[in-house]
Amino acid sequence: MLNVKPIGLTLPTNSKLNVSQCSKAEKDKAEIRKIPYALVVGSLMYVMVCTRPDIAYVVRTINHYMKNPRKEHWVAVK
């Protein structure tokens, strides 16, 4: 661990997430249901609580869109 280089974990500056991006069309909702968004966010929450408190802001931000995510939100999670 002596040679570890710290990195900053933030959302990309080009990532503008907001509630208006949430889809209302059933076609879009069906497409996003195939993506394991909630599972990945839950895994990130586990990692945040157990070992990485520095990612708390990012996890909090992506957690806001758990109910109705869109592709932009998935890209931010990845």
N, C-alpha and C. Protein backbone atom coordinates (compact mmCIF):
# COMPACT_ATOMS: atom_id res chain seq x y z
N MET A 1 0.81 -1.20 0.00
CA MET A 1 0.00 0.00 0.00
C MET A 1 0.86 1.27 0.00
N LEU A 2 2.16 1.12 0.14
CA LEU A 2 3.03 2.29 0.18
C LEU A 2 3.12 2.99 -1.17
N ASN A 3 2.95 2.25 -2.26
CA ASN A 3 3.10 2.83 -3.59
C ASN A 3 1.76 3.17 -4.26
N VAL A 4 0.71 3.20 -3.48
CA VAL A 4 -0.62 3.47 -4.03
C VAL A 4 -0.76 4.96 -4.34
N LYS A 5 -1.31 5.26 -5.50
CA LYS A 5 -1.54 6.65 -5.89
C LYS A 5 -3.03 6.96 -5.73
N PRO A 6 -3.37 7.97 -4.97
CA PRO A 6 -4.79 8.31 -4.78
C PRO A 6 -5.39 8.91 -6.05
N ILE A 7 -6.65 8.63 -6.26
CA ILE A 7 -7.37 9.23 -7.39
C ILE A 7 -8.66 9.83 -6.86
N GLY A 8 -9.14 10.84 -7.53
CA GLY A 8 -10.41 11.45 -7.14
C GLY A 8 -11.56 10.75 -7.84
N LEU A 9 -12.59 10.43 -7.11
CA LEU A 9 -13.76 9.79 -7.69
C LEU A 9 -14.92 10.76 -7.65
N THR A 10 -15.22 11.34 -8.78
CA THR A 10 -16.38 12.21 -8.89
C THR A 10 -17.12 11.84 -10.15
N LEU A 11 -18.30 12.40 -10.28
CA LEU A 11 -19.02 12.21 -11.53
C LEU A 11 -18.29 12.96 -12.62
N PRO A 12 -18.30 12.44 -13.83
CA PRO A 12 -17.66 13.17 -14.92
C PRO A 12 -18.28 14.56 -15.08
N THR A 13 -17.48 15.53 -15.44
CA THR A 13 -17.98 16.90 -15.55
C THR A 13 -19.02 17.05 -16.65
N ASN A 14 -18.99 16.18 -17.66
CA ASN A 14 -19.97 16.25 -18.74
C ASN A 14 -21.25 15.52 -18.38
N SER A 15 -21.34 14.94 -17.20
CA SER A 15 -22.52 14.19 -16.80
C SER A 15 -23.48 15.11 -16.06
N LYS A 16 -24.57 15.42 -16.69
CA LYS A 16 -25.61 16.27 -16.11
C LYS A 16 -26.82 15.40 -15.83
N LEU A 17 -26.97 14.98 -14.59
CA LEU A 17 -28.07 14.11 -14.22
C LEU A 17 -29.17 14.93 -13.55
N ASN A 18 -30.40 14.71 -13.99
CA ASN A 18 -31.53 15.35 -13.34
C ASN A 18 -32.78 14.52 -13.54
N VAL A 19 -33.82 14.87 -12.81
CA VAL A 19 -35.06 14.09 -12.82
C VAL A 19 -35.76 14.20 -14.17
N SER A 20 -35.58 15.29 -14.88
CA SER A 20 -36.25 15.45 -16.17
C SER A 20 -35.77 14.43 -17.20
N GLN A 21 -34.62 13.81 -16.95
CA GLN A 21 -34.12 12.78 -17.86
C GLN A 21 -34.85 11.47 -17.69
N CYS A 22 -35.55 11.29 -16.59
CA CYS A 22 -36.26 10.04 -16.34
C CYS A 22 -37.34 9.85 -17.39
N SER A 23 -37.37 8.68 -17.95
CA SER A 23 -38.25 8.39 -19.07
C SER A 23 -39.67 8.12 -18.60
N LYS A 24 -40.62 8.55 -19.41
CA LYS A 24 -42.02 8.27 -19.14
C LYS A 24 -42.60 7.29 -20.16
N ALA A 25 -41.86 7.00 -21.21
CA ALA A 25 -42.32 6.09 -22.26
C ALA A 25 -42.10 4.65 -21.82
N GLU A 26 -43.09 3.82 -22.05
CA GLU A 26 -43.00 2.40 -21.66
C GLU A 26 -41.89 1.67 -22.40
N LYS A 27 -41.65 2.04 -23.64
CA LYS A 27 -40.58 1.41 -24.42
C LYS A 27 -39.23 1.63 -23.75
N ASP A 28 -38.97 2.85 -23.32
CA ASP A 28 -37.71 3.16 -22.66
C ASP A 28 -37.61 2.46 -21.31
N LYS A 29 -38.71 2.40 -20.58
CA LYS A 29 -38.72 1.74 -19.28
C LYS A 29 -38.44 0.24 -19.43
N ALA A 30 -39.01 -0.37 -20.46
CA ALA A 30 -38.79 -1.80 -20.69
C ALA A 30 -37.34 -2.07 -21.04
N GLU A 31 -36.75 -1.17 -21.81
CA GLU A 31 -35.35 -1.34 -22.20
C GLU A 31 -34.41 -1.22 -21.00
N ILE A 32 -34.68 -0.28 -20.12
CA ILE A 32 -33.79 -0.07 -18.97
C ILE A 32 -33.97 -1.16 -17.92
N ARG A 33 -35.12 -1.85 -17.92
CA ARG A 33 -35.33 -2.94 -16.96
C ARG A 33 -34.36 -4.09 -17.18
N LYS A 34 -33.82 -4.20 -18.38
CA LYS A 34 -32.86 -5.26 -18.69
C LYS A 34 -31.51 -4.99 -18.03
N ILE A 35 -31.26 -3.75 -17.65
CA ILE A 35 -29.98 -3.35 -17.07
C ILE A 35 -30.06 -3.50 -15.55
N PRO A 36 -29.06 -4.10 -14.92
CA PRO A 36 -29.10 -4.32 -13.47
C PRO A 36 -28.72 -3.08 -12.66
N TYR A 37 -29.41 -1.96 -12.92
CA TYR A 37 -29.09 -0.68 -12.28
C TYR A 37 -29.14 -0.78 -10.76
N ALA A 38 -30.25 -1.27 -10.22
CA ALA A 38 -30.42 -1.34 -8.77
C ALA A 38 -29.39 -2.27 -8.13
N LEU A 39 -29.08 -3.35 -8.78
CA LEU A 39 -28.09 -4.29 -8.26
C LEU A 39 -26.72 -3.65 -8.17
N VAL A 40 -26.34 -2.92 -9.20
CA VAL A 40 -25.03 -2.29 -9.21
C VAL A 40 -24.97 -1.16 -8.18
N VAL A 41 -26.03 -0.36 -8.09
CA VAL A 41 -26.05 0.71 -7.09
C VAL A 41 -26.00 0.12 -5.68
N GLY A 42 -26.71 -0.97 -5.46
CA GLY A 42 -26.65 -1.64 -4.16
C GLY A 42 -25.26 -2.15 -3.84
N SER A 43 -24.59 -2.69 -4.83
CA SER A 43 -23.21 -3.15 -4.63
C SER A 43 -22.28 -1.99 -4.31
N LEU A 44 -22.48 -0.87 -4.99
CA LEU A 44 -21.67 0.31 -4.70
C LEU A 44 -21.94 0.83 -3.29
N MET A 45 -23.19 0.74 -2.84
CA MET A 45 -23.52 1.17 -1.48
C MET A 45 -22.80 0.28 -0.46
N TYR A 46 -22.75 -1.01 -0.72
CA TYR A 46 -22.05 -1.95 0.17
C TYR A 46 -20.56 -1.59 0.23
N VAL A 47 -19.98 -1.36 -0.92
CA VAL A 47 -18.56 -1.00 -0.97
C VAL A 47 -18.33 0.32 -0.24
N MET A 48 -19.24 1.28 -0.43
CA MET A 48 -19.12 2.58 0.22
C MET A 48 -19.13 2.44 1.74
N VAL A 49 -20.07 1.67 2.25
CA VAL A 49 -20.21 1.52 3.71
C VAL A 49 -19.03 0.75 4.29
N CYS A 50 -18.60 -0.28 3.61
CA CYS A 50 -17.55 -1.15 4.17
C CYS A 50 -16.14 -0.64 3.99
N THR A 51 -15.84 -0.09 2.82
CA THR A 51 -14.43 0.22 2.57
C THR A 51 -14.15 1.57 1.92
N ARG A 52 -15.11 2.16 1.24
CA ARG A 52 -14.83 3.36 0.44
C ARG A 52 -15.79 4.51 0.74
N PRO A 53 -15.66 5.15 1.89
CA PRO A 53 -16.57 6.27 2.19
C PRO A 53 -16.38 7.47 1.25
N ASP A 54 -15.27 7.50 0.52
CA ASP A 54 -15.02 8.61 -0.39
C ASP A 54 -15.95 8.62 -1.60
N ILE A 55 -16.65 7.52 -1.88
CA ILE A 55 -17.57 7.50 -3.02
C ILE A 55 -19.01 7.80 -2.60
N ALA A 56 -19.20 8.28 -1.38
CA ALA A 56 -20.54 8.51 -0.85
C ALA A 56 -21.33 9.51 -1.69
N TYR A 57 -20.72 10.59 -2.12
CA TYR A 57 -21.44 11.60 -2.89
C TYR A 57 -21.93 11.03 -4.22
N VAL A 58 -21.08 10.30 -4.90
CA VAL A 58 -21.45 9.71 -6.20
C VAL A 58 -22.57 8.70 -6.03
N VAL A 59 -22.45 7.85 -5.02
CA VAL A 59 -23.49 6.84 -4.77
C VAL A 59 -24.80 7.51 -4.41
N ARG A 60 -24.76 8.54 -3.60
CA ARG A 60 -25.97 9.28 -3.25
C ARG A 60 -26.63 9.88 -4.49
N THR A 61 -25.84 10.43 -5.36
CA THR A 61 -26.36 11.07 -6.57
C THR A 61 -27.03 10.05 -7.49
N ILE A 62 -26.38 8.93 -7.74
CA ILE A 62 -26.97 7.95 -8.64
C ILE A 62 -28.14 7.21 -8.00
N ASN A 63 -28.18 7.21 -6.68
CA ASN A 63 -29.28 6.56 -5.96
C ASN A 63 -30.60 7.30 -6.14
N HIS A 64 -30.54 8.59 -6.42
CA HIS A 64 -31.76 9.38 -6.63
C HIS A 64 -32.58 8.88 -7.82
N TYR A 65 -31.96 8.21 -8.74
CA TYR A 65 -32.63 7.78 -9.97
C TYR A 65 -32.95 6.30 -9.97
N MET A 66 -32.95 5.69 -8.80
CA MET A 66 -33.18 4.25 -8.68
C MET A 66 -34.56 3.85 -9.20
N LYS A 67 -35.56 4.68 -8.95
CA LYS A 67 -36.92 4.32 -9.33
C LYS A 67 -37.13 4.33 -10.84
N ASN A 68 -36.53 5.27 -11.52
CA ASN A 68 -36.75 5.42 -12.96
C ASN A 68 -35.46 5.86 -13.65
N PRO A 69 -34.47 4.97 -13.75
CA PRO A 69 -33.21 5.36 -14.38
C PRO A 69 -33.32 5.42 -15.91
N ARG A 70 -32.36 6.06 -16.50
CA ARG A 70 -32.26 6.14 -17.95
C ARG A 70 -30.84 5.81 -18.36
N LYS A 71 -30.57 5.76 -19.63
CA LYS A 71 -29.23 5.38 -20.09
C LYS A 71 -28.16 6.34 -19.57
N GLU A 72 -28.46 7.62 -19.47
CA GLU A 72 -27.49 8.57 -18.96
C GLU A 72 -27.09 8.24 -17.53
N HIS A 73 -28.07 7.76 -16.75
CA HIS A 73 -27.80 7.39 -15.37
C HIS A 73 -26.93 6.13 -15.34
N TRP A 74 -27.21 5.19 -16.22
CA TRP A 74 -26.43 3.96 -16.28
C TRP A 74 -24.98 4.26 -16.66
N VAL A 75 -24.79 5.19 -17.58
CA VAL A 75 -23.43 5.57 -17.98
C VAL A 75 -22.70 6.18 -16.78
N ALA A 76 -23.39 6.98 -15.98
CA ALA A 76 -22.77 7.56 -14.80
C ALA A 76 -22.38 6.48 -13.79
N VAL A 77 -23.22 5.45 -13.66
CA VAL A 77 -22.92 4.36 -12.73
C VAL A 77 -21.69 3.60 -13.20
N LYS A 78 -21.61 3.35 -14.50
CA LYS A 78 -20.45 2.60 -15.03
C LYS A 78 -19.20 3.43 -14.85
